[in-house]
Amino acid sequence: MQGGASCLKGSLVVYAIIQSGGRQLRVAPGAIVDVDHFAANAGEEVSVSNVLFVSTDAGDIMAGTPFVSGAKVVAVVEGESRGPKIRVFKKKRRKGMRRTRGHRSVFTRLRVKEILV
């Protein structure tokens, strides 16, 4: 674990659970995560304030109701990535109706820098 992580009662923050785009993600300093796409350029620093849970290496925990007050995760935008291709195939039997559609979701890739409490 890299230095520079904020301390909670003198301990390093091991991980946090954040909410982004309707999903909950477990993040730790140095981790790379994909979140739903938002407008940000590569190299830009962003902060996520929707922190649900924080845990330290000493076993101390902080759970929010619903969010931990004053806690935020600072991350750097690495760029964009795309998810797997989803194919949607529709068919009605005996009618000759066949339709194939698909899409790929766009994600923003973040590298977690530190967790501040």
C-alpha atoms as a PDB file:
ATOM      1  CA  MET A   1       0.000   0.000   0.000  1.00  0.00           C
ATOM      2  CA  GLN A   2       1.353   3.392  -0.954  1.00  0.00           C
ATOM      3  CA  GLY A   3       1.790   6.163   1.597  1.00  0.00           C
ATOM      4  CA  GLY A   4      -0.371   9.238   1.388  1.00  0.00           C
ATOM      5  CA  ALA A   5      -3.628   7.584   2.342  1.00  0.00           C
ATOM      6  CA  SER A   6      -5.516   9.572   4.935  1.00  0.00           C
ATOM      7  CA  CYS A   7      -5.576   8.194   8.451  1.00  0.00           C
ATOM      8  CA  LEU A   8      -8.508   7.185  10.607  1.00  0.00           C
ATOM      9  CA  LYS A   9      -7.437   6.812  14.274  1.00  0.00           C
ATOM     10  CA  GLY A  10      -3.776   6.442  13.219  1.00  0.00           C
ATOM     11  CA  SER A  11      -4.362   3.576  10.742  1.00  0.00           C
ATOM     12  CA  LEU A  12      -4.080   3.353   6.980  1.00  0.00           C
ATOM     13  CA  VAL A  13      -7.354   3.113   5.103  1.00  0.00           C
ATOM     14  CA  VAL A  14      -7.490  -0.344   3.562  1.00  0.00           C
ATOM     15  CA  TYR A  15     -10.606  -0.008   1.419  1.00  0.00           C
ATOM     16  CA  ALA A  16     -13.850   1.857   0.927  1.00  0.00           C
ATOM     17  CA  ILE A  17     -17.159   1.066  -0.732  1.00  0.00           C
ATOM     18  CA  ILE A  18     -18.443   3.818  -3.006  1.00  0.00           C
ATOM     19  CA  GLN A  19     -21.634   4.300  -4.974  1.00  0.00           C
ATOM     20  CA  SER A  20     -21.334   5.373  -8.586  1.00  0.00           C
ATOM     21  CA  GLY A  21     -23.917   5.078 -11.318  1.00  0.00           C
ATOM     22  CA  GLY A  22     -26.305   3.008  -9.215  1.00  0.00           C
ATOM     23  CA  ARG A  23     -23.614   0.415  -8.468  1.00  0.00           C
ATOM     24  CA  GLN A  24     -21.538  -0.158  -5.360  1.00  0.00           C
ATOM     25  CA  LEU A  25     -17.810  -0.705  -5.834  1.00  0.00           C
ATOM     26  CA  ARG A  26     -15.054  -1.713  -3.432  1.00  0.00           C
ATOM     27  CA  VAL A  27     -11.992   0.490  -3.974  1.00  0.00           C
ATOM     28  CA  ALA A  28      -8.545   0.689  -2.415  1.00  0.00           C
ATOM     29  CA  PRO A  29      -5.656   3.105  -2.989  1.00  0.00           C
ATOM     30  CA  GLY A  30      -3.943   2.181  -6.265  1.00  0.00           C
ATOM     31  CA  ALA A  31      -6.920   0.203  -7.622  1.00  0.00           C
ATOM     32  CA  ILE A  32      -8.267   0.755 -11.141  1.00  0.00           C
ATOM     33  CA  VAL A  33     -12.063   0.661 -11.452  1.00  0.00           C
ATOM     34  CA  ASP A  34     -14.571   1.201 -14.255  1.00  0.00           C
ATOM     35  CA  VAL A  35     -17.587   3.401 -13.500  1.00  0.00           C
ATOM     36  CA  ASP A  36     -20.424   4.611 -15.708  1.00  0.00           C
ATOM     37  CA  HIS A  37     -19.310   7.202 -18.227  1.00  0.00           C
ATOM     38  CA  PHE A  38     -19.148  10.853 -17.203  1.00  0.00           C
ATOM     39  CA  ALA A  39     -17.595  13.870 -18.874  1.00  0.00           C
ATOM     40  CA  ALA A  40     -13.952  14.110 -17.784  1.00  0.00           C
ATOM     41  CA  ASN A  41     -10.653  14.255 -19.635  1.00  0.00           C
ATOM     42  CA  ALA A  42      -7.804  11.791 -19.151  1.00  0.00           C
ATOM     43  CA  GLY A  43      -5.423  12.900 -16.395  1.00  0.00           C
ATOM     44  CA  GLU A  44      -8.090  14.961 -14.653  1.00  0.00           C
ATOM     45  CA  GLU A  45      -8.508  14.501 -10.890  1.00  0.00           C
ATOM     46  CA  VAL A  46     -12.029  13.742  -9.663  1.00  0.00           C
ATOM     47  CA  SER A  47     -13.478  13.059  -6.228  1.00  0.00           C
ATOM     48  CA  VAL A  48     -16.337  10.755  -5.310  1.00  0.00           C
ATOM     49  CA  SER A  49     -18.193  11.805  -2.166  1.00  0.00           C
ATOM     50  CA  ASN A  50     -20.722   8.944  -2.147  1.00  0.00           C
ATOM     51  CA  VAL A  51     -18.740   6.780   0.293  1.00  0.00           C
ATOM     52  CA  LEU A  52     -20.866   4.129   1.985  1.00  0.00           C
ATOM     53  CA  PHE A  53     -18.240   2.317   4.085  1.00  0.00           C
ATOM     54  CA  VAL A  54     -14.595   2.753   5.151  1.00  0.00           C
ATOM     55  CA  SER A  55     -12.348   0.097   6.706  1.00  0.00           C
ATOM     56  CA  THR A  56      -8.805   0.372   8.103  1.00  0.00           C
ATOM     57  CA  ASP A  57      -5.984  -2.095   8.634  1.00  0.00           C
ATOM     58  CA  ALA A  58      -6.515  -1.922  12.413  1.00  0.00           C
ATOM     59  CA  GLY A  59     -10.043  -3.274  11.978  1.00  0.00           C
ATOM     60  CA  ASP A  60     -11.819   0.043  12.563  1.00  0.00           C
ATOM     61  CA  ILE A  61     -14.868   0.587  10.375  1.00  0.00           C
ATOM     62  CA  MET A  62     -17.124   3.513   9.559  1.00  0.00           C
ATOM     63  CA  ALA A  63     -20.527   2.870   7.999  1.00  0.00           C
ATOM     64  CA  GLY A  64     -22.634   5.715   6.696  1.00  0.00           C
ATOM     65  CA  THR A  65     -26.360   6.325   6.884  1.00  0.00           C
ATOM     66  CA  PRO A  66     -26.374   6.273   3.856  1.00  0.00           C
ATOM     67  CA  PHE A  67     -23.007   8.042   3.307  1.00  0.00           C
ATOM     68  CA  VAL A  68     -20.014   8.575   5.587  1.00  0.00           C
ATOM     69  CA  SER A  69     -19.901  12.313   6.335  1.00  0.00           C
ATOM     70  CA  GLY A  70     -16.677  14.014   5.309  1.00  0.00           C
ATOM     71  CA  ALA A  71     -15.291  10.990   3.474  1.00  0.00           C
ATOM     72  CA  LYS A  72     -14.327  11.092  -0.184  1.00  0.00           C
ATOM     73  CA  VAL A  73     -12.300   9.096  -2.665  1.00  0.00           C
ATOM     74  CA  VAL A  74      -9.834  11.007  -4.841  1.00  0.00           C
ATOM     75  CA  ALA A  75      -9.113   9.391  -8.227  1.00  0.00           C
ATOM     76  CA  VAL A  76      -7.406  10.217 -11.512  1.00  0.00           C
ATOM     77  CA  VAL A  77      -9.194   9.596 -14.820  1.00  0.00           C
ATOM     78  CA  GLU A  78      -7.194   7.062 -16.848  1.00  0.00           C
ATOM     79  CA  GLY A  79      -9.448   7.254 -19.908  1.00  0.00           C
ATOM     80  CA  GLU A  80     -12.470   5.522 -21.383  1.00  0.00           C
ATOM     81  CA  SER A  81     -13.150   1.867 -22.064  1.00  0.00           C
ATOM     82  CA  ARG A  82     -16.027  -0.085 -23.531  1.00  0.00           C
ATOM     83  CA  GLY A  83     -17.817  -3.055 -22.090  1.00  0.00           C
ATOM     84  CA  PRO A  84     -18.626  -6.300 -23.882  1.00  0.00           C
ATOM     85  CA  LYS A  85     -20.985  -6.248 -26.829  1.00  0.00           C
ATOM     86  CA  ILE A  86     -24.532  -7.123 -25.843  1.00  0.00           C
ATOM     87  CA  ARG A  87     -26.655  -8.702 -28.565  1.00  0.00           C
ATOM     88  CA  VAL A  88     -30.437  -8.494 -28.397  1.00  0.00           C
ATOM     89  CA  PHE A  89     -32.167 -10.947 -30.726  1.00  0.00           C
ATOM     90  CA  LYS A  90     -35.940 -10.968 -31.138  1.00  0.00           C
ATOM     91  CA  LYS A  91     -37.926 -13.509 -33.130  1.00  0.00           C
ATOM     92  CA  LYS A  92     -41.591 -14.328 -33.525  1.00  0.00           C
ATOM     93  CA  ARG A  93     -42.106 -17.864 -34.657  1.00  0.00           C
ATOM     94  CA  ARG A  94     -44.027 -18.551 -37.859  1.00  0.00           C
ATOM     95  CA  LYS A  95     -44.161 -14.827 -38.674  1.00  0.00           C
ATOM     96  CA  GLY A  96     -40.787 -14.298 -40.346  1.00  0.00           C
ATOM     97  CA  MET A  97     -39.903 -11.539 -37.903  1.00  0.00           C
ATOM     98  CA  ARG A  98     -36.264 -11.467 -36.822  1.00  0.00           C
ATOM     99  CA  ARG A  99     -34.432  -8.479 -35.402  1.00  0.00           C
ATOM    100  CA  THR A 100     -30.889  -8.186 -34.069  1.00  0.00           C
ATOM    101  CA  ARG A 101     -29.741  -5.128 -32.175  1.00  0.00           C
ATOM    102  CA  GLY A 102     -26.826  -4.548 -29.858  1.00  0.00           C
ATOM    103  CA  HIS A 103     -24.802  -2.023 -27.946  1.00  0.00           C
ATOM    104  CA  ARG A 104     -21.600  -1.561 -25.965  1.00  0.00           C
ATOM    105  CA  SER A 105     -21.597   0.521 -22.796  1.00  0.00           C
ATOM    106  CA  VAL A 106     -18.929   3.201 -22.394  1.00  0.00           C
ATOM    107  CA  PHE A 107     -17.123   3.327 -19.047  1.00  0.00           C
ATOM    108  CA  THR A 108     -14.754   5.823 -17.459  1.00  0.00           C
ATOM    109  CA  ARG A 109     -11.644   4.167 -16.028  1.00  0.00           C
ATOM    110  CA  LEU A 110     -10.431   5.601 -12.692  1.00  0.00           C
ATOM    111  CA  ARG A 111      -7.213   4.996 -10.764  1.00  0.00           C
ATOM    112  CA  VAL A 112      -7.857   5.517  -7.041  1.00  0.00           C
ATOM    113  CA  LYS A 113      -5.287   7.858  -5.569  1.00  0.00           C
ATOM    114  CA  GLU A 114      -6.349   8.099  -1.928  1.00  0.00           C
ATOM    115  CA  ILE A 115      -9.259   7.771   0.451  1.00  0.00           C
ATOM    116  CA  LEU A 116      -9.839  10.788   2.690  1.00  0.00           C
ATOM    117  CA  VAL A 117     -11.826  10.606   5.927  1.00  0.00           C
END
